N, C-alpha and C. Protein backbone atom coordinates (compact mmCIF):
# COMPACT_ATOMS: atom_id res chain seq x y z
N GLN A 1 -5.93 -2.12 131.51
CA GLN A 1 -7.06 -1.75 131.02
C GLN A 1 -6.79 -1.19 129.26
N VAL A 2 -8.50 -0.76 128.59
CA VAL A 2 -8.17 -0.34 126.92
C VAL A 2 -7.78 1.00 127.37
N GLN A 3 -6.97 1.58 125.97
CA GLN A 3 -6.14 2.86 125.76
C GLN A 3 -6.17 3.30 124.18
N LEU A 4 -6.22 4.41 124.11
CA LEU A 4 -6.52 4.83 122.30
C LEU A 4 -5.72 5.68 122.68
N VAL A 5 -4.44 5.08 121.41
CA VAL A 5 -3.31 5.42 120.68
C VAL A 5 -3.17 5.93 119.47
N GLU A 6 -2.24 7.20 119.74
CA GLU A 6 -2.48 8.05 118.15
C GLU A 6 -1.47 8.39 117.75
N SER A 7 -1.39 8.07 116.44
CA SER A 7 0.46 7.82 115.54
C SER A 7 -0.24 9.43 114.29
N GLY A 8 0.70 9.80 114.15
CA GLY A 8 0.81 10.54 112.77
C GLY A 8 1.25 11.94 112.95
N GLY A 9 1.87 11.99 113.69
CA GLY A 9 1.85 13.83 114.13
C GLY A 9 3.27 14.55 113.41
N GLY A 10 3.62 15.43 113.50
CA GLY A 10 5.19 15.81 113.75
C GLY A 10 4.78 16.90 112.50
N LEU A 11 5.64 17.63 111.93
CA LEU A 11 6.00 18.74 111.89
C LEU A 11 5.97 18.86 110.20
N VAL A 12 5.29 19.90 109.83
CA VAL A 12 4.44 20.13 108.45
C VAL A 12 4.77 21.75 107.94
N GLN A 13 4.99 22.13 106.80
CA GLN A 13 4.68 23.43 106.75
C GLN A 13 3.30 23.64 105.82
N PRO A 14 3.24 25.61 106.32
CA PRO A 14 1.94 25.44 106.32
C PRO A 14 1.38 25.54 104.41
N GLY A 15 0.06 25.00 104.53
CA GLY A 15 -0.25 24.36 103.55
C GLY A 15 -0.16 23.57 103.21
N GLY A 16 0.37 22.85 104.16
CA GLY A 16 0.52 20.45 103.86
C GLY A 16 -0.45 20.21 104.43
N SER A 17 -0.30 19.00 104.11
CA SER A 17 -1.25 18.41 104.77
C SER A 17 -0.23 16.99 105.59
N LEU A 18 -1.46 16.31 106.74
CA LEU A 18 -0.66 15.29 107.21
C LEU A 18 -2.19 14.67 107.55
N ARG A 19 -1.90 12.62 108.12
CA ARG A 19 -2.90 12.08 108.46
C ARG A 19 -2.85 10.90 109.80
N LEU A 20 -3.68 12.27 110.89
CA LEU A 20 -3.74 11.51 112.26
C LEU A 20 -4.30 9.61 112.02
N SER A 21 -3.57 9.55 112.83
CA SER A 21 -4.50 7.48 113.27
C SER A 21 -4.38 6.92 115.05
N CYS A 22 -5.60 6.81 114.38
CA CYS A 22 -5.63 6.27 115.88
C CYS A 22 -7.22 4.86 116.17
N ALA A 23 -6.04 4.28 117.09
CA ALA A 23 -7.18 2.40 117.30
C ALA A 23 -6.63 2.84 119.05
N ALA A 24 -7.42 1.83 119.66
CA ALA A 24 -7.65 0.88 120.51
C ALA A 24 -7.34 -0.18 121.16
N SER A 25 -6.23 -0.03 121.86
CA SER A 25 -5.23 -1.29 122.36
C SER A 25 -6.49 -2.86 122.52
N ARG A 26 -7.69 -2.63 122.96
CA ARG A 26 -8.45 -3.39 122.67
C ARG A 26 -9.85 -3.41 122.51
N ASN A 27 -9.89 -4.30 121.33
CA ASN A 27 -11.56 -3.52 121.04
C ASN A 27 -12.87 -3.47 121.84
N ILE A 28 -13.58 -2.34 122.60
CA ILE A 28 -14.64 -1.84 123.48
C ILE A 28 -15.95 -1.88 122.45
N PHE A 29 -16.91 -2.86 123.12
CA PHE A 29 -17.68 -2.87 122.06
C PHE A 29 -18.76 -2.27 122.02
N SER A 30 -18.79 -1.65 123.34
CA SER A 30 -19.07 -0.85 123.96
C SER A 30 -20.20 0.93 122.83
N ILE A 31 -18.36 1.36 122.22
CA ILE A 31 -17.98 2.50 121.48
C ILE A 31 -19.35 2.94 120.61
N VAL A 32 -19.95 3.52 120.48
CA VAL A 32 -21.05 4.28 119.55
C VAL A 32 -20.29 5.73 118.50
N VAL A 33 -19.22 6.47 119.26
CA VAL A 33 -19.00 7.45 118.25
C VAL A 33 -17.41 7.98 119.07
N MET A 34 -16.62 8.38 117.70
CA MET A 34 -15.20 8.81 118.35
C MET A 34 -14.84 10.20 117.54
N ALA A 35 -13.90 10.95 118.35
CA ALA A 35 -13.38 12.07 117.51
C ALA A 35 -12.66 12.47 117.42
N TRP A 36 -11.89 13.63 117.68
CA TRP A 36 -10.85 14.64 117.86
C TRP A 36 -10.95 15.31 118.28
N TYR A 37 -10.26 15.60 118.79
CA TYR A 37 -9.35 17.29 119.77
C TYR A 37 -8.52 17.61 119.53
N ARG A 38 -8.21 19.04 119.78
CA ARG A 38 -6.80 19.39 119.92
C ARG A 38 -7.15 19.79 121.02
N GLN A 39 -5.97 20.45 121.77
CA GLN A 39 -5.16 21.62 122.02
C GLN A 39 -4.37 22.54 122.61
N ALA A 40 -3.73 23.55 121.86
CA ALA A 40 -3.28 24.72 121.91
C ALA A 40 -2.52 25.50 123.57
N PRO A 41 -1.53 25.59 123.55
CA PRO A 41 -1.02 26.11 124.45
C PRO A 41 -2.28 27.10 125.10
N GLY A 42 -2.07 27.08 126.65
CA GLY A 42 -2.96 28.44 126.66
C GLY A 42 -4.26 28.61 126.53
N LYS A 43 -4.86 27.69 125.34
CA LYS A 43 -6.51 27.73 125.11
C LYS A 43 -7.25 26.10 125.36
N GLU A 44 -8.38 26.73 125.70
CA GLU A 44 -9.42 25.43 125.39
C GLU A 44 -9.56 24.31 124.50
N ARG A 45 -9.68 22.73 124.82
CA ARG A 45 -9.64 22.25 123.97
C ARG A 45 -10.17 22.03 123.42
N GLU A 46 -10.71 22.01 121.82
CA GLU A 46 -11.55 22.06 121.41
C GLU A 46 -12.51 20.93 120.33
N LEU A 47 -12.87 20.55 119.99
CA LEU A 47 -13.51 19.46 119.05
C LEU A 47 -12.95 19.47 117.32
N VAL A 48 -12.72 18.52 117.25
CA VAL A 48 -12.90 19.22 115.10
C VAL A 48 -13.21 18.07 114.85
N ALA A 49 -13.57 17.35 114.76
CA ALA A 49 -13.98 16.34 113.90
C ALA A 49 -15.01 15.05 115.07
N ARG A 50 -16.45 14.10 114.85
CA ARG A 50 -16.18 12.96 115.00
C ARG A 50 -17.27 12.23 113.96
N ILE A 51 -17.00 10.93 113.97
CA ILE A 51 -17.76 10.12 113.50
C ILE A 51 -18.93 9.02 114.26
N GLY A 52 -19.87 9.21 113.97
CA GLY A 52 -20.55 7.41 114.71
C GLY A 52 -20.55 6.10 114.19
N HIS A 53 -21.25 5.24 115.00
CA HIS A 53 -21.14 4.05 114.54
C HIS A 53 -21.68 3.90 112.97
N SER A 54 -22.61 4.82 113.20
CA SER A 54 -23.51 4.62 111.70
C SER A 54 -22.26 4.86 110.52
N GLY A 55 -21.19 5.76 110.70
CA GLY A 55 -20.94 6.24 109.64
C GLY A 55 -21.25 8.16 109.99
N VAL A 56 -21.94 8.48 110.34
CA VAL A 56 -22.11 10.05 109.76
C VAL A 56 -21.39 10.38 110.76
N THR A 57 -20.60 11.66 110.04
CA THR A 57 -19.65 12.47 110.94
C THR A 57 -20.41 13.92 110.73
N ASN A 58 -19.16 14.65 111.58
CA ASN A 58 -19.57 15.77 112.54
C ASN A 58 -18.34 16.98 112.11
N TYR A 59 -17.64 17.81 111.83
CA TYR A 59 -17.17 18.83 112.04
C TYR A 59 -17.25 20.33 112.58
N ALA A 60 -16.40 21.00 113.22
CA ALA A 60 -16.60 22.07 114.00
C ALA A 60 -16.63 22.90 112.80
N ASP A 61 -17.05 24.31 112.39
CA ASP A 61 -17.43 24.98 111.17
C ASP A 61 -15.43 25.46 111.04
N SER A 62 -14.51 25.70 111.56
CA SER A 62 -13.85 26.17 111.21
C SER A 62 -12.44 25.25 110.54
N MET A 63 -12.88 23.71 110.73
CA MET A 63 -12.62 22.77 110.67
C MET A 63 -12.49 21.65 108.83
N ARG A 64 -14.11 22.43 109.06
CA ARG A 64 -15.16 21.51 107.94
C ARG A 64 -14.53 22.62 105.94
N GLY A 65 -14.17 21.30 105.72
CA GLY A 65 -13.70 21.78 104.18
C GLY A 65 -12.34 21.24 103.99
N ARG A 66 -11.86 21.61 105.38
CA ARG A 66 -10.04 20.97 104.81
C ARG A 66 -9.76 19.87 105.77
N PHE A 67 -10.66 19.29 107.12
CA PHE A 67 -9.75 17.56 107.66
C PHE A 67 -11.20 17.03 107.14
N THR A 68 -11.20 16.35 106.86
CA THR A 68 -11.68 14.87 106.86
C THR A 68 -11.24 13.30 108.10
N ILE A 69 -12.72 13.41 108.71
CA ILE A 69 -12.28 12.34 109.76
C ILE A 69 -12.76 10.92 108.77
N SER A 70 -12.64 10.35 108.89
CA SER A 70 -13.12 8.30 108.68
C SER A 70 -12.62 7.51 109.63
N GLY A 71 -13.37 6.05 109.47
CA GLY A 71 -12.76 4.94 110.41
C GLY A 71 -13.86 4.29 110.49
N ASP A 72 -13.04 2.59 111.66
CA ASP A 72 -14.64 2.06 111.56
C ASP A 72 -14.88 2.49 113.44
N VAL A 73 -16.00 2.95 113.99
CA VAL A 73 -15.66 2.89 114.96
C VAL A 73 -16.71 1.77 115.75
N ALA A 74 -16.82 0.58 114.70
CA ALA A 74 -17.12 -0.49 115.81
C ALA A 74 -15.72 -1.42 116.14
N LYS A 75 -14.80 -0.92 114.86
CA LYS A 75 -13.57 -1.31 115.56
C LYS A 75 -12.50 -0.84 116.16
N ASN A 76 -13.14 0.32 116.80
CA ASN A 76 -12.12 1.68 117.10
C ASN A 76 -10.68 1.93 116.65
N THR A 77 -10.99 2.32 115.06
CA THR A 77 -9.94 2.60 114.71
C THR A 77 -10.99 4.95 113.81
N VAL A 78 -10.39 4.88 113.79
CA VAL A 78 -10.37 6.38 113.11
C VAL A 78 -8.79 7.32 112.89
N TYR A 79 -9.32 8.09 111.83
CA TYR A 79 -8.19 8.62 110.69
C TYR A 79 -8.89 9.83 110.78
N LEU A 80 -7.94 10.80 110.82
CA LEU A 80 -7.46 12.78 110.69
C LEU A 80 -7.36 12.99 109.31
N GLN A 81 -8.05 13.00 108.16
CA GLN A 81 -7.04 14.15 107.15
C GLN A 81 -6.95 15.00 107.15
N MET A 82 -5.58 16.13 107.20
CA MET A 82 -5.75 17.18 107.82
C MET A 82 -5.13 18.05 105.92
N ASN A 83 -5.60 19.06 105.53
CA ASN A 83 -4.97 19.65 104.17
C ASN A 83 -4.97 20.84 105.03
N SER A 84 -4.60 21.66 103.40
CA SER A 84 -4.28 23.11 104.10
C SER A 84 -3.78 24.03 104.88
N LEU A 85 -2.88 22.55 106.07
CA LEU A 85 -2.70 23.40 107.70
C LEU A 85 -2.21 24.39 107.97
N THR A 86 -2.21 25.13 108.89
CA THR A 86 -1.84 26.84 108.96
C THR A 86 -0.91 26.62 110.65
N PRO A 87 -0.20 27.83 110.56
CA PRO A 87 -0.19 27.57 111.19
C PRO A 87 -0.46 27.17 112.97
N GLU A 88 -2.03 28.15 112.89
CA GLU A 88 -3.20 28.03 113.79
C GLU A 88 -3.30 26.67 114.76
N ASP A 89 -3.36 25.95 113.24
CA ASP A 89 -3.41 25.24 113.56
C ASP A 89 -2.54 23.92 115.22
N THR A 90 -1.87 24.35 115.10
CA THR A 90 -0.33 24.05 115.65
C THR A 90 -1.59 24.04 117.08
N ALA A 91 -1.10 22.06 117.49
CA ALA A 91 -1.80 21.96 118.62
C ALA A 91 -1.19 20.50 118.81
N VAL A 92 -1.91 19.76 120.59
CA VAL A 92 -1.86 18.85 120.32
C VAL A 92 -3.09 17.65 119.98
N TYR A 93 -3.67 17.07 119.36
CA TYR A 93 -4.68 16.10 118.93
C TYR A 93 -4.80 14.64 119.26
N TYR A 94 -5.68 15.21 119.84
CA TYR A 94 -6.37 13.90 120.88
C TYR A 94 -7.30 12.70 120.42
N CYS A 95 -7.53 11.73 120.35
CA CYS A 95 -8.08 10.95 120.14
C CYS A 95 -9.38 10.24 121.24
N ALA A 96 -10.28 10.84 120.93
CA ALA A 96 -11.67 10.17 122.26
C ALA A 96 -12.59 9.38 121.48
N ALA A 97 -13.00 8.14 123.03
CA ALA A 97 -13.96 7.80 122.27
C ALA A 97 -15.13 7.46 123.36
N ASN A 98 -16.40 6.93 122.69
CA ASN A 98 -17.68 6.97 124.01
C ASN A 98 -18.50 6.34 123.45
N ALA A 99 -19.27 5.65 124.65
CA ALA A 99 -19.79 5.03 124.64
C ALA A 99 -21.74 5.01 124.40
N ASN A 100 -22.11 6.55 124.34
CA ASN A 100 -22.96 6.94 124.07
C ASN A 100 -22.78 8.89 123.81
N TRP A 101 -23.91 9.16 123.01
CA TRP A 101 -23.75 10.86 122.64
C TRP A 101 -23.39 11.74 123.13
N GLY A 102 -22.93 12.12 124.81
CA GLY A 102 -22.77 13.10 125.14
C GLY A 102 -21.62 13.31 125.60
N ASN A 103 -21.30 14.67 126.03
CA ASN A 103 -19.37 15.46 124.88
C ASN A 103 -18.35 14.91 126.75
N ASP A 104 -18.82 14.06 127.09
CA ASP A 104 -18.12 13.74 128.76
C ASP A 104 -17.52 12.38 127.74
N TYR A 105 -16.06 12.36 126.53
CA TYR A 105 -15.87 11.35 126.69
C TYR A 105 -15.43 10.17 127.26
N MET A 106 -15.26 9.11 127.41
CA MET A 106 -14.81 8.03 128.68
C MET A 106 -13.28 7.94 128.05
N TYR A 107 -13.09 7.81 126.98
CA TYR A 107 -11.62 7.28 126.65
C TYR A 107 -11.05 8.02 125.84
N TRP A 108 -9.84 8.64 126.09
CA TRP A 108 -8.59 9.47 125.51
C TRP A 108 -7.13 8.88 125.16
N GLY A 109 -6.99 9.38 124.47
CA GLY A 109 -5.68 9.31 124.12
C GLY A 109 -4.09 10.22 124.37
N GLN A 110 -2.85 9.62 124.76
CA GLN A 110 -2.18 10.11 125.22
C GLN A 110 -2.36 11.59 124.45
N GLY A 111 -2.05 12.12 123.18
CA GLY A 111 -2.17 12.98 122.13
C GLY A 111 -0.51 13.19 121.45
N THR A 112 -1.12 13.05 120.19
CA THR A 112 0.26 13.35 118.91
C THR A 112 0.54 14.95 118.55
N GLN A 113 1.66 15.41 118.63
CA GLN A 113 2.07 16.44 119.07
C GLN A 113 1.94 16.79 116.98
N VAL A 114 1.50 18.71 116.66
CA VAL A 114 1.08 18.40 114.80
C VAL A 114 2.06 20.25 115.03
N THR A 115 2.44 20.13 114.11
CA THR A 115 2.97 22.02 114.54
C THR A 115 3.70 22.20 112.88
N VAL A 116 2.52 23.18 112.58
CA VAL A 116 2.84 23.59 111.44
C VAL A 116 3.67 24.96 111.32
N SER A 117 4.94 24.70 110.46
CA SER A 117 5.48 25.97 110.99
C SER A 117 6.58 26.25 108.92
N SER A 118 6.74 27.43 108.85
CA SER A 118 7.43 27.45 108.01
C SER A 118 9.18 27.28 108.31
């Protein structure tokens, strides 16, 4: 079955940058939106950013200005450029894709760990 695969996570110092990538194992023609979520231990999963097939983007308020989402939804490829990272950004970051504009995403990646530490 089709699955999303993330890459690019790792250890970075506070104030540093990291770029995450996500792609589907096989193209999913029905996908209209892709997103990045993150989840820290003991905390709820939260939206980081999303991008629609038209290229329009949305960001969580706390991430706007520091994170940039880009990619090609039709090709099921998405990136997340993260700048000015802080220890509070430490989490598992997940790629997601959906065939509608709702919040129940149909496809999820396995996650990639991002650790921000000095």
